Amino acid sequence: MAKLSPIVSEFASTEEEAAHDAWVRAKVEKALASTAPCIPHEEVIAEMQAILDRHKAPGKY
């Protein structure tokens, strides 16, 4: 197990890094293979803006 420097990597070892990489790649492959309907960009942006607006503290902005 090769240890990684925290300056170079957020992972403690090359095995941890490889496991995370495999997990991310599997998620991407699943998303690309999905047949679920796409959500329009404008709808996603509107939903995210609503979430941000709900979490803004009054008077801070």
Protein backbone atom coordinates (compact mmCIF):
# COMPACT_ATOMS: atom_id res chain seq x y z
CA MET A 1 0.00 0.00 0.00
CA ALA A 2 1.64 3.21 -1.15
CA LYS A 3 0.95 6.20 1.09
CA LEU A 4 0.13 9.49 -0.56
CA SER A 5 1.03 12.97 0.60
CA PRO A 6 -1.96 15.08 1.69
CA ILE A 7 -0.46 17.87 -0.42
CA VAL A 8 -0.70 15.70 -3.55
CA SER A 9 -3.89 13.70 -2.93
CA GLU A 10 -6.97 13.73 -0.73
CA PHE A 11 -6.63 9.94 -0.33
CA ALA A 12 -4.44 8.20 2.22
CA SER A 13 -3.31 5.45 -0.14
CA THR A 14 -3.27 4.47 -3.80
CA GLU A 15 -5.76 1.70 -2.98
CA GLU A 16 -8.20 4.23 -1.52
CA GLU A 17 -7.77 6.39 -4.60
CA ALA A 18 -8.35 3.43 -6.95
CA ALA A 19 -11.46 2.35 -5.04
CA HIS A 20 -12.91 5.86 -5.23
CA ASP A 21 -12.07 6.11 -8.93
CA ALA A 22 -13.84 2.79 -9.60
CA TRP A 23 -16.89 3.95 -7.64
CA VAL A 24 -17.10 7.23 -9.59
CA ARG A 25 -16.65 5.45 -12.93
CA ALA A 26 -19.45 3.00 -12.06
CA LYS A 27 -21.78 5.90 -11.17
CA VAL A 28 -20.99 7.66 -14.47
CA GLU A 29 -21.52 4.47 -16.50
CA LYS A 30 -24.88 3.91 -14.77
CA ALA A 31 -25.94 7.49 -15.46
CA LEU A 32 -24.93 7.27 -19.12
CA ALA A 33 -26.85 4.01 -19.54
CA SER A 34 -29.97 5.39 -17.83
CA THR A 35 -33.18 5.57 -19.85
CA ALA A 36 -34.81 8.00 -17.39
CA PRO A 37 -36.11 11.17 -19.02
CA CYS A 38 -33.72 14.13 -19.05
CA ILE A 39 -34.48 17.20 -16.98
CA PRO A 40 -34.22 20.50 -18.88
CA HIS A 41 -31.35 22.76 -17.79
CA GLU A 42 -33.68 25.65 -16.97
CA GLU A 43 -35.72 23.42 -14.63
CA VAL A 44 -32.63 22.28 -12.74
CA ILE A 45 -31.36 25.85 -12.39
CA ALA A 46 -34.77 27.01 -11.10
CA GLU A 47 -34.85 24.19 -8.52
CA MET A 48 -31.30 24.95 -7.35
CA GLN A 49 -32.06 28.66 -7.08
CA ALA A 50 -35.13 27.88 -4.94
CA ILE A 51 -32.98 25.75 -2.62
CA LEU A 52 -30.37 28.51 -2.33
CA ASP A 53 -33.04 31.12 -1.66
CA ARG A 54 -34.56 29.00 1.13
CA HIS A 55 -31.18 28.67 2.84
CA LYS A 56 -30.08 32.29 2.63
CA ALA A 57 -30.08 34.01 5.98
CA PRO A 58 -32.27 37.13 5.93
CA GLY A 59 -30.30 40.37 5.74
CA LYS A 60 -26.99 38.74 4.79
CA TYR A 61 -27.15 39.51 1.07
